[in-house]
N, C-alpha and C. Protein backbone atom coordinates (compact mmCIF):
# COMPACT_ATOMS: atom_id res chain seq x y z
N UNK A 1 118.59 100.26 80.18
CA UNK A 1 117.67 98.83 79.75
C UNK A 1 116.63 98.74 81.07
N UNK A 2 116.70 99.38 82.13
CA UNK A 2 115.47 98.80 82.77
C UNK A 2 114.26 100.84 83.31
N UNK A 3 114.89 101.48 83.03
CA UNK A 3 114.66 103.13 82.93
C UNK A 3 113.21 103.17 82.29
N UNK A 4 112.23 103.08 82.46
CA UNK A 4 110.57 103.35 81.92
C UNK A 4 110.15 101.64 82.00
N UNK A 5 110.50 101.44 82.32
CA UNK A 5 109.70 99.82 82.20
C UNK A 5 109.12 99.67 83.38
N UNK A 6 107.81 98.75 83.13
CA UNK A 6 107.55 98.47 84.75
C UNK A 6 108.22 97.47 85.59
N UNK A 7 107.83 97.08 86.49
CA UNK A 7 108.04 95.71 87.57
C UNK A 7 108.06 94.35 86.76
N UNK A 8 106.82 94.14 86.16
CA UNK A 8 106.94 93.13 85.26
C UNK A 8 108.16 93.26 84.34
N UNK A 9 108.85 93.95 83.45
CA UNK A 9 108.92 93.99 82.73
C UNK A 9 110.44 93.89 82.62
N UNK A 10 110.90 95.11 83.70
CA UNK A 10 111.92 94.67 84.50
C UNK A 10 112.39 93.34 84.50
N UNK A 11 111.98 92.57 85.18
CA UNK A 11 111.86 91.39 85.83
C UNK A 11 112.15 90.21 84.45
N UNK A 12 112.02 90.64 83.41
CA UNK A 12 111.88 89.70 82.20
C UNK A 12 113.96 90.75 81.69
N UNK A 13 114.15 90.79 81.88
CA UNK A 13 115.52 91.36 81.34
C UNK A 13 116.13 90.16 81.57
N UNK A 14 117.01 89.86 80.37
CA UNK A 14 117.57 88.59 81.06
C UNK A 14 119.13 89.00 80.52
N UNK A 15 120.11 87.84 80.54
CA UNK A 15 121.31 88.17 80.62
C UNK A 15 121.53 88.59 79.37
N UNK A 16 121.12 87.99 78.05
CA UNK A 16 121.15 88.00 77.04
C UNK A 16 120.72 89.20 76.02
N UNK A 17 119.66 89.69 76.93
CA UNK A 17 118.92 91.13 76.63
C UNK A 17 120.24 91.82 76.99
N UNK A 18 121.17 92.63 77.98
CA UNK A 18 122.31 92.93 78.53
C UNK A 18 123.27 92.90 77.69
N UNK A 19 123.63 91.34 77.54
CA UNK A 19 124.48 91.32 76.21
C UNK A 19 124.38 92.09 74.68
N UNK A 20 122.80 92.02 74.20
CA UNK A 20 122.12 92.75 73.19
C UNK A 20 122.53 94.26 72.93
N UNK A 21 121.77 94.78 74.47
CA UNK A 21 122.19 96.39 74.73
C UNK A 21 123.67 96.90 74.39
N UNK A 22 123.84 95.98 75.12
CA UNK A 22 125.98 96.48 74.50
C UNK A 22 126.25 95.99 73.10
N UNK A 23 125.51 95.63 72.87
CA UNK A 23 125.49 95.22 70.92
C UNK A 23 127.03 94.04 71.38
N UNK A 24 126.91 93.23 71.94
CA UNK A 24 127.43 91.60 71.87
C UNK A 24 128.36 92.21 73.38
N UNK A 25 128.81 91.17 73.68
CA UNK A 25 130.03 90.32 74.91
C UNK A 25 131.07 89.76 74.54
N UNK A 26 132.65 89.33 74.47
CA UNK A 26 133.26 88.96 74.27
C UNK A 26 133.07 87.06 74.98
N UNK A 27 132.99 86.48 74.66
CA UNK A 27 132.92 85.07 75.94
C UNK A 27 133.19 85.42 76.58
N UNK A 28 134.10 85.89 77.15
CA UNK A 28 135.14 86.35 78.46
C UNK A 28 133.94 87.02 79.18
N UNK A 29 133.49 87.98 78.32
CA UNK A 29 132.76 88.66 79.58
C UNK A 29 131.46 88.62 79.92
N UNK A 30 130.96 87.47 79.36
CA UNK A 30 129.21 86.84 79.20
C UNK A 30 129.09 86.97 80.32
N UNK A 31 129.54 86.28 81.87
CA UNK A 31 129.03 86.11 82.74
C UNK A 31 128.68 88.14 83.65
N UNK A 32 129.06 88.91 82.88
CA UNK A 32 129.34 90.06 83.19
C UNK A 32 127.84 90.66 83.20
N UNK A 33 127.09 90.02 82.10
CA UNK A 33 125.51 90.13 82.01
C UNK A 33 125.08 89.37 82.61
N UNK A 34 125.61 88.31 83.27
CA UNK A 34 124.72 87.09 84.19
C UNK A 34 124.69 87.86 85.76
N UNK A 35 125.81 89.06 85.60
CA UNK A 35 125.59 90.16 87.03
C UNK A 35 124.92 90.74 87.28
N UNK A 36 125.12 91.45 85.35
CA UNK A 36 123.83 92.69 85.17
C UNK A 36 122.02 92.02 85.99
N UNK A 37 121.72 90.87 85.27
CA UNK A 37 120.35 90.31 85.58
C UNK A 37 119.95 89.86 87.05
N UNK A 38 121.37 89.48 87.29
CA UNK A 38 121.04 89.04 89.52
C UNK A 38 120.94 91.03 89.80
N UNK A 39 121.64 91.92 89.59
CA UNK A 39 121.36 92.97 89.46
C UNK A 39 120.63 93.72 89.70
N UNK A 40 119.39 93.42 88.57
CA UNK A 40 118.08 94.20 88.32
C UNK A 40 117.28 93.43 89.25
N UNK A 41 117.34 91.48 89.78
CA UNK A 41 116.86 91.02 90.63
C UNK A 41 116.97 91.83 91.34
N UNK A 42 117.81 91.96 91.84
CA UNK A 42 118.37 92.60 93.65
C UNK A 42 117.47 94.01 94.09
N UNK A 43 117.65 94.57 93.36
CA UNK A 43 117.88 96.29 93.15
C UNK A 43 115.62 95.94 92.38
N UNK A 44 115.01 95.29 92.20
CA UNK A 44 114.02 94.78 92.15
C UNK A 44 112.95 94.54 93.63
N UNK A 45 114.14 93.24 93.91
CA UNK A 45 113.69 93.14 95.66
C UNK A 45 113.59 93.62 96.85
N UNK A 46 114.98 94.69 96.67
CA UNK A 46 114.76 95.66 97.49
C UNK A 46 113.94 96.46 97.40
N UNK A 47 113.80 97.05 96.26
CA UNK A 47 112.10 98.25 95.93
C UNK A 47 110.42 97.29 96.35
N UNK A 48 110.84 96.72 96.70
CA UNK A 48 109.62 95.99 96.32
C UNK A 48 109.54 95.87 98.52
N UNK A 49 110.54 95.25 99.08
CA UNK A 49 110.56 95.22 100.53
C UNK A 49 110.71 96.81 100.69
N UNK A 50 111.12 97.85 100.41
CA UNK A 50 111.35 98.65 100.81
C UNK A 50 109.78 99.66 100.50
N UNK A 51 109.12 98.65 99.77
CA UNK A 51 108.03 99.80 100.00
C UNK A 51 106.73 98.78 100.23
N UNK A 52 107.00 98.06 101.31
CA UNK A 52 105.71 96.66 101.38
C UNK A 52 105.27 96.06 100.96
N UNK A 53 106.31 95.74 99.79
CA UNK A 53 104.67 94.91 97.97
C UNK A 53 105.59 93.20 98.94
N UNK A 54 104.41 92.96 97.67
CA UNK A 54 105.23 91.36 97.86
C UNK A 54 105.89 91.22 96.73
N UNK A 55 107.63 90.37 97.16
CA UNK A 55 108.25 89.75 96.60
C UNK A 55 107.51 88.81 95.72
N UNK A 56 106.42 88.16 96.27
CA UNK A 56 106.47 87.16 95.06
C UNK A 56 106.96 87.19 93.69
N UNK A 57 106.43 88.39 93.36
CA UNK A 57 106.48 88.69 91.53
C UNK A 57 107.93 88.53 91.37
N UNK A 58 108.92 89.06 91.55
CA UNK A 58 110.11 88.04 90.98
C UNK A 58 110.58 86.80 90.84
N UNK A 59 109.59 86.16 91.07
CA UNK A 59 109.74 84.29 90.79
C UNK A 59 111.12 84.03 90.97
N UNK A 60 111.21 84.30 91.96
CA UNK A 60 112.47 83.45 92.25
C UNK A 60 112.40 82.05 92.45
N UNK A 61 113.47 81.64 91.75
CA UNK A 61 113.71 80.03 91.90
C UNK A 61 115.20 79.15 91.89
N UNK A 62 115.85 80.05 92.73
CA UNK A 62 117.04 80.35 92.53
C UNK A 62 117.96 79.83 91.58
N UNK A 63 117.95 80.49 90.66
CA UNK A 63 118.77 80.16 89.38
C UNK A 63 119.70 81.15 89.36
N UNK A 64 120.26 82.35 90.64
CA UNK A 64 120.85 83.41 90.38
C UNK A 64 121.92 82.55 91.26
N UNK A 65 122.82 82.72 91.31
CA UNK A 65 124.24 82.45 92.25
C UNK A 65 123.52 83.82 93.55
N UNK A 66 123.73 84.37 94.05
CA UNK A 66 123.38 85.31 94.52
C UNK A 66 121.59 84.76 95.60
N UNK A 67 120.56 84.02 94.69
CA UNK A 67 119.63 83.42 95.46
C UNK A 67 120.07 82.34 95.88
N UNK A 68 120.49 81.29 95.34
CA UNK A 68 121.01 79.60 95.72
C UNK A 68 121.68 80.53 97.08
N UNK A 69 122.79 80.96 96.80
CA UNK A 69 123.69 81.61 98.20
C UNK A 69 122.78 81.98 99.44
N UNK A 70 121.99 82.73 99.38
CA UNK A 70 120.33 82.69 100.29
C UNK A 70 119.85 81.52 100.19
N UNK A 71 119.51 80.60 99.31
CA UNK A 71 118.29 79.75 100.02
C UNK A 71 119.27 78.86 100.74
N UNK A 72 120.29 78.39 100.01
CA UNK A 72 121.64 77.51 101.38
C UNK A 72 121.98 77.78 102.54
N UNK A 73 122.00 79.82 102.59
CA UNK A 73 122.29 80.07 103.72
C UNK A 73 120.72 79.78 104.47
N UNK A 74 119.80 80.49 104.01
CA UNK A 74 117.84 79.74 104.54
C UNK A 74 118.55 77.94 105.39
N UNK A 75 118.78 77.24 104.79
CA UNK A 75 118.42 75.69 105.00
C UNK A 75 119.51 75.34 106.07
N UNK A 76 120.70 75.81 105.71
CA UNK A 76 122.00 76.19 107.35
C UNK A 76 121.35 75.94 108.24
N UNK A 77 120.13 77.38 108.23
CA UNK A 77 119.54 77.49 109.59
C UNK A 77 118.13 77.12 109.79
N UNK A 78 118.29 76.01 109.63
CA UNK A 78 117.07 74.51 109.63
C UNK A 78 118.05 73.71 110.55
């Protein structure tokens, strides 16, 4: 799903695209597509940090559980 795409293209992959690539998911498994979307974003963020690239293009708006946890953790540090 991600292989062969640019970073910008990979950032546009949504949980719905993941589910479609799997020929659909049962409703009780739809959360797995959310986890996949979050994993893609986390992998891109890691790649960018390891290569000294700006992570601004990841477009984080704290929409996923992982980002939300990070942002709440940052707020606790204040």
